[in-house]
C-alpha atoms as a PDB file:
ATOM      1  CA  UNK A   1     104.931 109.590  86.566  1.00  0.00           C
ATOM      2  CA  UNK A   2     105.019 111.364  89.943  1.00  0.00           C
ATOM      3  CA  UNK A   3     101.400 113.253  88.522  1.00  0.00           C
ATOM      4  CA  UNK A   4      99.893 109.685  88.769  1.00  0.00           C
ATOM      5  CA  UNK A   5      99.705 109.270  91.893  1.00  0.00           C
ATOM      6  CA  UNK A   6      97.878 111.892  92.406  1.00  0.00           C
ATOM      7  CA  UNK A   7      94.953 111.433  89.632  1.00  0.00           C
ATOM      8  CA  UNK A   8      94.495 107.311  90.449  1.00  0.00           C
ATOM      9  CA  UNK A   9      93.422 108.323  94.000  1.00  0.00           C
ATOM     10  CA  UNK A  10      91.358 111.239  92.773  1.00  0.00           C
ATOM     11  CA  UNK A  11      88.370 108.999  91.679  1.00  0.00           C
ATOM     12  CA  UNK A  12      88.333 106.950  94.515  1.00  0.00           C
ATOM     13  CA  UNK A  13      87.660 109.334  93.772  1.00  0.00           C
ATOM     14  CA  UNK A  14      88.104 108.782  93.901  1.00  0.00           C
ATOM     15  CA  UNK A  15      87.592 107.520  96.618  1.00  0.00           C
ATOM     16  CA  UNK A  16      86.723 108.594 100.207  1.00  0.00           C
ATOM     17  CA  UNK A  17      88.349 108.817 102.964  1.00  0.00           C
ATOM     18  CA  UNK A  18      87.896 111.233 106.011  1.00  0.00           C
ATOM     19  CA  UNK A  19      88.435 114.256 104.411  1.00  0.00           C
ATOM     20  CA  UNK A  20      86.204 116.685 106.370  1.00  0.00           C
ATOM     21  CA  UNK A  21      88.938 119.098 106.292  1.00  0.00           C
ATOM     22  CA  UNK A  22      88.828 119.292 102.321  1.00  0.00           C
ATOM     23  CA  UNK A  23      86.384 121.813 100.545  1.00  0.00           C
ATOM     24  CA  UNK A  24      85.116 121.943  96.987  1.00  0.00           C
ATOM     25  CA  UNK A  25      88.119 124.613  95.895  1.00  0.00           C
ATOM     26  CA  UNK A  26      90.806 122.062  96.632  1.00  0.00           C
ATOM     27  CA  UNK A  27      92.192 121.482  93.779  1.00  0.00           C
ATOM     28  CA  UNK A  28      92.982 117.321  93.213  1.00  0.00           C
ATOM     29  CA  UNK A  29      95.613 117.767  90.547  1.00  0.00           C
ATOM     30  CA  UNK A  30      97.466 119.959  92.625  1.00  0.00           C
ATOM     31  CA  UNK A  31     100.927 118.148  93.758  1.00  0.00           C
ATOM     32  CA  UNK A  32     101.662 120.351  96.601  1.00  0.00           C
ATOM     33  CA  UNK A  33      97.968 120.825  97.968  1.00  0.00           C
ATOM     34  CA  UNK A  34      98.704 118.968 101.903  1.00  0.00           C
ATOM     35  CA  UNK A  35      94.973 118.598 102.385  1.00  0.00           C
ATOM     36  CA  UNK A  36      94.436 116.150  99.855  1.00  0.00           C
ATOM     37  CA  UNK A  37      94.506 112.983 101.760  1.00  0.00           C
ATOM     38  CA  UNK A  38      96.918 110.972  99.404  1.00  0.00           C
ATOM     39  CA  UNK A  39      99.252 113.817  99.706  1.00  0.00           C
ATOM     40  CA  UNK A  40     102.813 112.250 100.371  1.00  0.00           C
ATOM     41  CA  UNK A  41     101.633 108.827  99.486  1.00  0.00           C
ATOM     42  CA  UNK A  42     103.917 107.419  97.165  1.00  0.00           C
ATOM     43  CA  UNK A  43     102.652 105.517  94.197  1.00  0.00           C
ATOM     44  CA  UNK A  44     102.216 101.740  95.056  1.00  0.00           C
ATOM     45  CA  UNK A  45     103.998  99.143  92.357  1.00  0.00           C
ATOM     46  CA  UNK A  46     101.548  98.158  89.899  1.00  0.00           C
ATOM     47  CA  UNK A  47      99.360  94.857  90.476  1.00  0.00           C
ATOM     48  CA  UNK A  48     100.261  93.655  86.693  1.00  0.00           C
ATOM     49  CA  UNK A  49     101.824  96.089  84.270  1.00  0.00           C
ATOM     50  CA  UNK A  50      99.200  98.064  82.422  1.00  0.00           C
ATOM     51  CA  UNK A  51      96.896  98.898  85.440  1.00  0.00           C
ATOM     52  CA  UNK A  52      97.728 102.344  86.072  1.00  0.00           C
ATOM     53  CA  UNK A  53      97.303 102.997  82.288  1.00  0.00           C
ATOM     54  CA  UNK A  54      93.808 101.048  82.778  1.00  0.00           C
ATOM     55  CA  UNK A  55      92.956 103.047  85.724  1.00  0.00           C
ATOM     56  CA  UNK A  56      93.851 106.745  83.791  1.00  0.00           C
ATOM     57  CA  UNK A  57      92.094 105.500  81.026  1.00  0.00           C
ATOM     58  CA  UNK A  58      88.977 104.911  83.483  1.00  0.00           C
ATOM     59  CA  UNK A  59      89.610 108.635  85.151  1.00  0.00           C
ATOM     60  CA  UNK A  60      88.742 110.431  82.180  1.00  0.00           C
ATOM     61  CA  UNK A  61      85.671 110.150  82.531  1.00  0.00           C
ATOM     62  CA  UNK A  62      85.958 111.607  85.730  1.00  0.00           C
ATOM     63  CA  UNK A  63      85.695 115.110  86.296  1.00  0.00           C
ATOM     64  CA  UNK A  64      87.771 115.996  89.112  1.00  0.00           C
ATOM     65  CA  UNK A  65      85.293 117.618  91.773  1.00  0.00           C
ATOM     66  CA  UNK A  66      83.626 114.615  91.561  1.00  0.00           C
ATOM     67  CA  UNK A  67      87.042 112.146  92.350  1.00  0.00           C
ATOM     68  CA  UNK A  68      86.649 113.875  95.484  1.00  0.00           C
ATOM     69  CA  UNK A  69      83.099 113.614  95.801  1.00  0.00           C
ATOM     70  CA  UNK A  70      83.482 109.828  95.157  1.00  0.00           C
ATOM     71  CA  UNK A  71      86.278 109.546  97.235  1.00  0.00           C
ATOM     72  CA  UNK A  72      84.470 111.131 100.232  1.00  0.00           C
ATOM     73  CA  UNK A  73      81.495 109.309  99.820  1.00  0.00           C
ATOM     74  CA  UNK A  74      83.281 106.077 100.088  1.00  0.00           C
ATOM     75  CA  UNK A  75      84.233 106.417 103.644  1.00  0.00           C
ATOM     76  CA  UNK A  76      81.031 108.418 105.023  1.00  0.00           C
ATOM     77  CA  UNK A  77      78.122 107.532 103.342  1.00  0.00           C
ATOM     78  CA  UNK A  78      75.896 110.020 104.666  1.00  0.00           C
ATOM     79  CA  UNK A  79      77.916 112.532 101.952  1.00  0.00           C
ATOM     80  CA  UNK A  80      75.740 111.478  98.735  1.00  0.00           C
ATOM     81  CA  UNK A  81      76.696 111.752  95.243  1.00  0.00           C
ATOM     82  CA  UNK A  82      74.792 114.813  93.276  1.00  0.00           C
ATOM     83  CA  UNK A  83      73.679 113.718  90.232  1.00  0.00           C
ATOM     84  CA  UNK A  84      76.369 114.800  87.960  1.00  0.00           C
ATOM     85  CA  UNK A  85      78.966 113.033  90.063  1.00  0.00           C
ATOM     86  CA  UNK A  86      76.446 109.774  89.703  1.00  0.00           C
ATOM     87  CA  UNK A  87      76.446 110.890  86.033  1.00  0.00           C
ATOM     88  CA  UNK A  88      80.272 109.772  86.323  1.00  0.00           C
ATOM     89  CA  UNK A  89      80.198 106.299  87.864  1.00  0.00           C
ATOM     90  CA  UNK A  90      77.424 105.238  86.049  1.00  0.00           C
ATOM     91  CA  UNK A  91      79.928 106.408  83.059  1.00  0.00           C
ATOM     92  CA  UNK A  92      82.567 104.713  83.952  1.00  0.00           C
ATOM     93  CA  UNK A  93      81.330 101.555  84.591  1.00  0.00           C
ATOM     94  CA  UNK A  94      81.003  99.261  87.628  1.00  0.00           C
ATOM     95  CA  UNK A  95      84.063  97.838  86.016  1.00  0.00           C
ATOM     96  CA  UNK A  96      86.306 100.991  86.275  1.00  0.00           C
ATOM     97  CA  UNK A  97      84.742 101.460  89.112  1.00  0.00           C
ATOM     98  CA  UNK A  98      86.042  98.579  91.009  1.00  0.00           C
ATOM     99  CA  UNK A  99      89.248  99.004  89.491  1.00  0.00           C
ATOM    100  CA  UNK A 100      89.715 102.909  90.688  1.00  0.00           C
ATOM    101  CA  UNK A 101      88.942 101.114  93.866  1.00  0.00           C
ATOM    102  CA  UNK A 102      91.674  98.538  93.726  1.00  0.00           C
ATOM    103  CA  UNK A 103      94.312 100.886  92.875  1.00  0.00           C
ATOM    104  CA  UNK A 104      93.468 103.280  95.798  1.00  0.00           C
ATOM    105  CA  UNK A 105      93.609 100.306  98.312  1.00  0.00           C
ATOM    106  CA  UNK A 106      96.894  99.421  96.804  1.00  0.00           C
ATOM    107  CA  UNK A 107      98.105 102.164  98.900  1.00  0.00           C
ATOM    108  CA  UNK A 108      99.739 101.235 102.170  1.00  0.00           C
ATOM    109  CA  UNK A 109      97.500 103.540 103.747  1.00  0.00           C
ATOM    110  CA  UNK A 110      94.058 102.597 102.379  1.00  0.00           C
ATOM    111  CA  UNK A 111      95.257  98.903 102.192  1.00  0.00           C
ATOM    112  CA  UNK A 112      92.969  97.580 105.708  1.00  0.00           C
ATOM    113  CA  UNK A 113      89.583  98.743 103.836  1.00  0.00           C
ATOM    114  CA  UNK A 114      90.581  97.570 100.712  1.00  0.00           C
ATOM    115  CA  UNK A 115      87.404  95.308 101.463  1.00  0.00           C
ATOM    116  CA  UNK A 116      85.101  97.862 102.236  1.00  0.00           C
ATOM    117  CA  UNK A 117      86.133  99.634  99.218  1.00  0.00           C
ATOM    118  CA  UNK A 118      85.460  97.245  96.897  1.00  0.00           C
ATOM    119  CA  UNK A 119      81.861  96.776  98.408  1.00  0.00           C
ATOM    120  CA  UNK A 120      81.108 100.515  98.626  1.00  0.00           C
ATOM    121  CA  UNK A 121      82.530 101.327  95.101  1.00  0.00           C
ATOM    122  CA  UNK A 122      79.721  98.466  93.723  1.00  0.00           C
ATOM    123  CA  UNK A 123      76.876  99.186  95.557  1.00  0.00           C
ATOM    124  CA  UNK A 124      77.426 103.091  94.924  1.00  0.00           C
ATOM    125  CA  UNK A 125      77.835 101.924  91.138  1.00  0.00           C
ATOM    126  CA  UNK A 126      74.441  99.910  91.567  1.00  0.00           C
ATOM    127  CA  UNK A 127      72.636 103.163  93.523  1.00  0.00           C
ATOM    128  CA  UNK A 128      73.655 105.732  90.326  1.00  0.00           C
ATOM    129  CA  UNK A 129      72.514 103.595  87.801  1.00  0.00           C
ATOM    130  CA  UNK A 130      69.070 103.096  89.593  1.00  0.00           C
ATOM    131  CA  UNK A 131      68.538 106.474  90.232  1.00  0.00           C
ATOM    132  CA  UNK A 132      67.698 106.509  85.963  1.00  0.00           C
ATOM    133  CA  UNK A 133      69.740 110.013  84.904  1.00  0.00           C
END
């Protein structure tokens, strides 16, 4: 269960906050990595039973390096997704993209950005589909 607290935001990658200090070498799965933005955050209660299981199934289609890239992109659209990570976004689909954003916005730290996270995750999905990769 503790590991789940680090897997979910990896997609939001997943998703997307002020991570200028992070590098591609940062391991999003390392529970002791104090540089990841979700370090020390407590996993919020599920909004409904089975929600986190559903989110984890979505994450199986996202490479960890893409999770960090997507996460950065959500809060800084100048940080574009490369083609490989765009393929990851298309692979998970719009529903999973939105659910991953919802999971991130459950964290107290990200709650104020809920509407922004949802809007950008939908737009990012549409942009990636439009690339025709």
